[in-house]
Protein backbone atom coordinates (compact mmCIF):
# COMPACT_ATOMS: atom_id res chain seq x y z
CA MET A 1 59.44 102.42 1.52
CA ALA A 2 58.86 99.44 3.76
CA LEU A 3 56.48 101.50 5.90
CA SER A 4 54.46 102.48 2.85
CA LEU A 5 54.17 98.85 1.75
CA SER A 6 53.05 97.80 5.22
CA ARG A 7 50.31 100.43 5.19
CA ALA A 8 49.03 99.46 1.73
CA PRO A 9 46.61 96.72 2.94
CA ASP A 10 45.15 99.09 5.53
CA LEU A 11 44.62 101.82 2.96
CA ALA A 12 43.02 99.36 0.57
CA ARG A 13 40.69 98.13 3.31
CA ARG A 14 39.65 101.65 4.17
CA ARG A 15 38.98 102.45 0.54
CA VAL A 16 36.83 99.35 0.15
CA GLU A 17 34.90 100.19 3.33
CA ARG A 18 34.33 103.75 2.12
CA THR A 19 33.13 102.50 -1.26
CA LEU A 20 30.68 100.09 0.40
CA ASP A 21 29.42 102.84 2.71
CA GLU A 22 28.81 105.20 -0.19
CA THR A 23 27.10 102.44 -2.17
CA GLY A 24 24.77 101.78 0.75
CA LEU A 25 23.96 105.48 1.18
CA LEU A 26 23.32 105.77 -2.54
CA CYS A 27 20.84 102.88 -2.40
CA VAL A 28 19.18 104.48 0.63
CA THR A 29 18.80 107.75 -1.28
CA LEU A 30 17.25 105.94 -4.23
CA LEU A 31 14.80 103.95 -2.10
CA GLU A 32 13.92 106.96 0.03
CA GLY A 33 13.22 108.93 -3.13
CA LEU A 34 10.86 106.22 -4.36
CA ARG A 35 9.11 105.76 -1.02
CA ARG A 36 6.87 108.82 -1.37
CA THR A 37 6.13 108.36 -5.05
CA TRP A 38 2.42 108.07 -4.36
CA ASP A 39 2.26 111.68 -3.07
CA LEU A 40 2.00 113.25 -6.51
CA ARG A 41 0.86 116.66 -5.28
CA GLN A 42 4.22 117.20 -3.58
CA TRP A 43 6.40 116.64 -6.62
CA TRP A 44 4.27 116.83 -9.77
CA GLY A 45 5.16 120.44 -10.58
CA GLU A 46 8.87 119.84 -10.10
CA PHE A 47 8.57 116.67 -12.19
CA ILE A 48 7.14 118.56 -15.17
CA GLU A 49 9.82 121.24 -14.85
CA GLN A 50 12.63 118.67 -14.73
CA CYS A 51 11.20 116.72 -17.68
CA TRP A 52 11.10 119.88 -19.77
CA PHE A 53 14.63 120.82 -18.72
CA LEU A 54 16.07 117.38 -19.50
CA ALA A 55 14.26 117.13 -22.83
CA ARG A 56 15.41 120.62 -23.80
CA VAL A 57 19.10 120.08 -23.04
CA THR A 58 19.36 116.53 -24.44
CA ALA A 59 17.17 116.58 -27.58
CA VAL A 60 19.71 118.19 -29.91
CA PRO A 61 22.80 116.35 -28.59
CA VAL A 62 21.06 112.98 -28.88
CA MET A 63 20.26 113.67 -32.54
CA LEU A 64 23.81 114.80 -33.24
CA ILE A 65 25.14 111.60 -31.67
CA ALA A 66 22.61 109.07 -32.99
CA VAL A 67 22.72 109.98 -36.68
CA PRO A 68 26.54 109.75 -37.09
CA LEU A 69 26.58 106.67 -34.87
CA GLY A 70 24.03 104.87 -37.02
CA ALA A 71 25.84 105.97 -40.16
CA THR A 72 29.19 104.74 -38.82
CA ILE A 73 27.78 101.34 -37.88
CA SER A 74 26.09 101.09 -41.27
CA LEU A 75 29.28 101.96 -43.17
CA GLN A 76 31.50 99.60 -41.21
CA VAL A 77 29.07 96.68 -41.11
CA GLY A 78 27.98 97.29 -44.71
CA ASP A 79 31.54 97.17 -45.98
CA ILE A 80 32.23 93.87 -44.20
CA ALA A 81 28.86 92.40 -45.25
CA ARG A 82 29.48 93.38 -48.89
CA GLN A 83 32.83 91.57 -48.85
CA LEU A 84 31.02 88.48 -47.55
CA GLY A 85 28.26 88.79 -50.12
CA ALA A 86 25.57 89.65 -47.56
CA ALA A 87 25.07 93.37 -48.07
CA SER A 88 21.30 93.00 -47.64
CA GLY A 89 21.87 91.97 -44.01
CA THR A 90 23.33 95.33 -43.03
CA GLY A 91 19.95 96.76 -42.13
CA ALA A 92 19.16 93.86 -39.83
CA LEU A 93 22.46 94.17 -38.00
CA LEU A 94 22.16 97.96 -37.70
CA VAL A 95 18.61 97.91 -36.35
CA ALA A 96 19.41 95.08 -33.95
CA ALA A 97 22.50 96.86 -32.63
CA MET A 98 20.69 100.17 -32.19
CA ILE A 99 17.71 98.65 -30.40
CA GLN A 100 19.46 96.10 -28.22
CA GLN A 101 22.57 97.94 -27.07
CA VAL A 102 23.33 101.37 -28.49
CA ALA A 103 20.08 103.25 -27.81
CA PRO A 104 19.69 102.67 -24.04
CA LEU A 105 23.38 103.26 -23.34
CA ALA A 106 23.50 106.44 -25.43
CA ALA A 107 20.35 107.77 -23.76
CA ALA A 108 21.69 107.00 -20.28
CA LEU A 109 25.07 108.60 -20.93
CA LEU A 110 23.43 111.73 -22.32
CA VAL A 111 21.05 112.01 -19.38
CA SER A 112 24.00 111.56 -17.03
CA GLY A 113 26.43 113.82 -18.83
CA VAL A 114 24.06 116.67 -19.64
CA GLY A 115 21.13 116.44 -17.24
CA GLY A 116 22.84 114.58 -14.40
CA SER A 117 25.69 117.06 -14.19
CA ALA A 118 23.15 119.89 -13.93
CA MET A 119 21.31 118.01 -11.19
CA THR A 120 24.55 117.47 -9.27
CA SER A 121 25.56 121.11 -9.51
CA ASP A 122 22.07 122.24 -8.49
CA MET A 123 21.94 119.94 -5.46
CA GLY A 124 25.54 120.82 -4.58
CA ALA A 125 24.76 124.53 -4.69
CA ARG A 126 21.77 123.96 -2.43
CA ASN A 127 24.00 121.97 -0.09
CA ILE A 128 26.75 124.55 0.27
CA ARG A 129 24.12 127.30 0.79
CA ASP A 130 22.57 125.16 3.56
CA GLU A 131 19.22 125.08 1.78
CA LEU A 132 18.89 121.34 2.39
CA ALA A 133 19.48 121.84 6.11
CA ALA A 134 16.94 124.67 6.14
CA MET A 135 14.35 122.39 4.53
CA GLU A 136 14.94 119.79 7.22
CA VAL A 137 14.52 122.46 9.92
CA MET A 138 11.14 123.38 8.39
CA GLY A 139 10.09 119.73 8.50
CA ILE A 140 10.46 119.14 4.75
CA ASN A 141 12.31 116.05 3.61
CA PRO A 142 14.66 117.25 0.84
CA VAL A 143 14.80 113.77 -0.66
CA HIS A 144 11.02 113.63 -1.10
CA ARG A 145 10.76 117.18 -2.35
CA LEU A 146 13.81 117.33 -4.65
CA VAL A 147 15.07 113.83 -5.43
CA THR A 148 11.76 112.06 -6.14
CA PRO A 149 10.72 114.28 -9.09
CA ARG A 150 14.22 114.12 -10.54
CA LEU A 151 14.24 110.32 -10.39
CA TRP A 152 11.00 110.01 -12.32
CA ALA A 153 11.84 112.80 -14.73
CA ALA A 154 15.20 111.28 -15.63
CA SER A 155 13.70 107.81 -16.12
CA THR A 156 10.86 109.15 -18.28
CA VAL A 157 13.10 111.30 -20.47
CA SER A 158 15.66 108.49 -20.76
CA ALA A 159 13.02 106.11 -22.13
CA LEU A 160 11.83 108.75 -24.60
CA LEU A 161 15.39 109.53 -25.67
CA CYS A 162 15.96 105.84 -26.28
CA SER A 163 13.21 105.90 -28.91
CA VAL A 164 14.73 109.01 -30.49
CA VAL A 165 18.16 107.36 -30.65
CA ILE A 166 16.70 104.31 -32.38
CA LEU A 167 14.83 106.40 -34.95
CA ALA A 168 17.71 108.77 -35.68
CA GLY A 169 20.29 105.97 -35.82
CA VAL A 170 18.21 103.88 -38.21
CA LEU A 171 17.60 106.90 -40.45
CA GLY A 172 21.31 107.68 -40.53
CA GLY A 173 22.15 104.07 -41.34
CA PHE A 174 19.40 103.93 -43.95
CA TYR A 175 20.82 106.91 -45.80
CA PHE A 176 24.37 105.62 -45.99
CA ASN A 177 23.44 101.98 -46.60
CA VAL A 178 20.69 102.56 -49.15
CA ILE A 179 21.73 105.81 -50.82
CA GLN A 180 25.50 105.46 -50.63
CA GLN A 181 25.97 101.69 -50.85
CA GLY A 182 23.04 100.81 -53.11
CA VAL A 183 21.13 98.35 -50.91
CA SER A 184 17.40 98.25 -51.69
CA PRO A 185 15.10 99.79 -49.03
CA GLY A 186 13.04 96.60 -48.83
CA ALA A 187 16.09 94.49 -48.07
CA PHE A 188 17.28 97.02 -45.49
CA PHE A 189 14.12 96.82 -43.37
CA ASP A 190 13.10 93.25 -44.16
CA GLY A 191 16.16 91.74 -42.55
CA ALA A 192 15.47 93.42 -39.21
CA THR A 193 12.41 91.25 -38.60
CA THR A 194 14.55 88.13 -38.77
CA LEU A 195 16.73 89.14 -35.82
CA LEU A 196 14.36 91.11 -33.59
CA GLN A 197 11.27 90.36 -31.56
CA PHE A 198 8.91 92.54 -29.58
CA SER A 199 10.50 91.62 -26.25
CA ASP A 200 13.79 93.18 -27.45
CA LEU A 201 12.14 96.59 -27.63
CA VAL A 202 10.45 96.10 -24.24
CA VAL A 203 13.74 95.20 -22.57
CA THR A 204 15.50 98.13 -24.25
CA LEU A 205 12.94 100.62 -22.94
CA PHE A 206 13.12 98.98 -19.51
CA LYS A 207 16.90 99.35 -19.45
CA ALA A 208 16.68 102.99 -20.47
CA TRP A 209 14.07 103.58 -17.75
CA VAL A 210 16.29 101.97 -15.10
CA PHE A 211 19.36 103.83 -16.34
CA GLY A 212 17.49 107.11 -15.89
CA PHE A 213 16.76 106.23 -12.27
CA VAL A 214 20.41 105.38 -11.69
CA ALA A 215 21.68 108.58 -13.32
CA ALA A 216 19.37 110.79 -11.27
CA ALA A 217 20.04 108.93 -8.01
CA VAL A 218 23.81 109.17 -8.40
CA ALA A 219 23.64 112.82 -9.43
CA CYS A 220 21.44 113.82 -6.49
CA TYR A 221 23.45 111.81 -3.99
CA MET A 222 26.76 113.28 -5.12
CA GLY A 223 25.37 116.78 -5.02
CA MET A 224 23.76 116.42 -1.59
CA ASN A 225 26.97 115.02 -0.10
CA CYS A 226 29.59 117.18 -1.85
CA ASP A 227 32.33 119.08 -0.07
CA TYR A 228 31.70 122.74 0.68
CA GLY A 229 32.87 125.25 -1.86
CA PRO A 230 32.89 125.46 -5.67
CA VAL A 231 35.71 122.90 -5.89
CA GLY A 232 33.59 120.37 -3.99
CA VAL A 233 30.69 120.86 -6.39
CA GLY A 234 32.96 120.41 -9.40
CA ARG A 235 34.41 117.21 -8.01
CA ALA A 236 30.91 115.94 -7.24
CA VAL A 237 29.87 116.52 -10.86
CA ASN A 238 32.91 114.62 -12.13
CA ARG A 239 32.34 111.72 -9.74
CA ALA A 240 28.65 111.55 -10.62
CA VAL A 241 29.31 111.15 -14.34
CA VAL A 242 32.04 108.55 -13.81
CA VAL A 243 30.08 106.50 -11.29
CA THR A 244 26.93 106.58 -13.42
CA SER A 245 28.82 105.31 -16.46
CA ILE A 246 30.31 102.41 -14.49
CA VAL A 247 27.01 101.43 -12.88
CA VAL A 248 25.06 101.71 -16.14
CA PHE A 249 27.42 99.41 -18.03
CA ALA A 250 27.37 96.91 -15.15
CA ILE A 251 23.55 96.89 -15.02
CA ASN A 252 23.37 96.59 -18.80
CA TYR A 253 25.56 93.49 -18.69
CA VAL A 254 23.48 91.86 -15.94
CA VAL A 255 20.13 92.63 -17.59
CA GLU A 256 21.32 91.46 -21.00
CA MET A 257 22.72 88.23 -19.56
CA VAL A 258 19.49 87.46 -17.72
CA TYR A 259 17.41 88.32 -20.78
CA GLN A 260 19.39 86.02 -23.06
CA VAL A 261 18.91 83.17 -20.59
CA LEU A 262 15.17 83.72 -20.17
CA VAL A 263 14.31 84.64 -23.77
CA PRO A 264 16.19 82.70 -26.48
CA ARG A 265 17.30 84.66 -29.51
CA LYS A 266 15.24 84.53 -32.66
CA PHE A 267 16.98 82.76 -35.57
């Protein structure tokens, strides 16, 4: 027991060092993937294929998530607002919540959970079959050929999904707030203009775009560095989803804090 306690600081130090090493390698993978962005002929075809794949596998889930999510927010907020005598403000709160916070996070988590897991398994399968090593032997950088199109595809689809989440969430909230709770349609949409400004939408799309980069970078890095065997690929997929979620929420907090300092809220 005493020996285990004496080794605890050393184990903690090693874990911290390993985490920092992996963080550095992840950043290197991301930057290396962006370095050859200008060479469109090398990755344009793969980019189109990845965009279609991500849009195909995330379009239906994002609708199934956004509509109930908007309806739930509308029901909960509408009930509280009605008790306070401000039922007409439900639309403003719903639209503001969907645009500022819910949409980019939902899009990022879907890209990570559905598309990112597929990217990790694909890169992991290539790794355990030594395809990545074979590409290096042939003088082809696997990061430029495989990671670069996935980075841009994930960021593009994430920004588009963010718009879909906003639209579907607002429609779901509109139905339950206007049809079920009796708020007039004019009051539902009119209140949104009092809380939102154009920069809110720009920052939301920017966050979704960045989150897509992060999801693809983490997925590709975990797949390219997974342990050999099917178990290693499965663990890489699990780690990719968990790490992406943590990093996305951390970046969201930093960006939102900086934005609130630079751009005062509209009252």
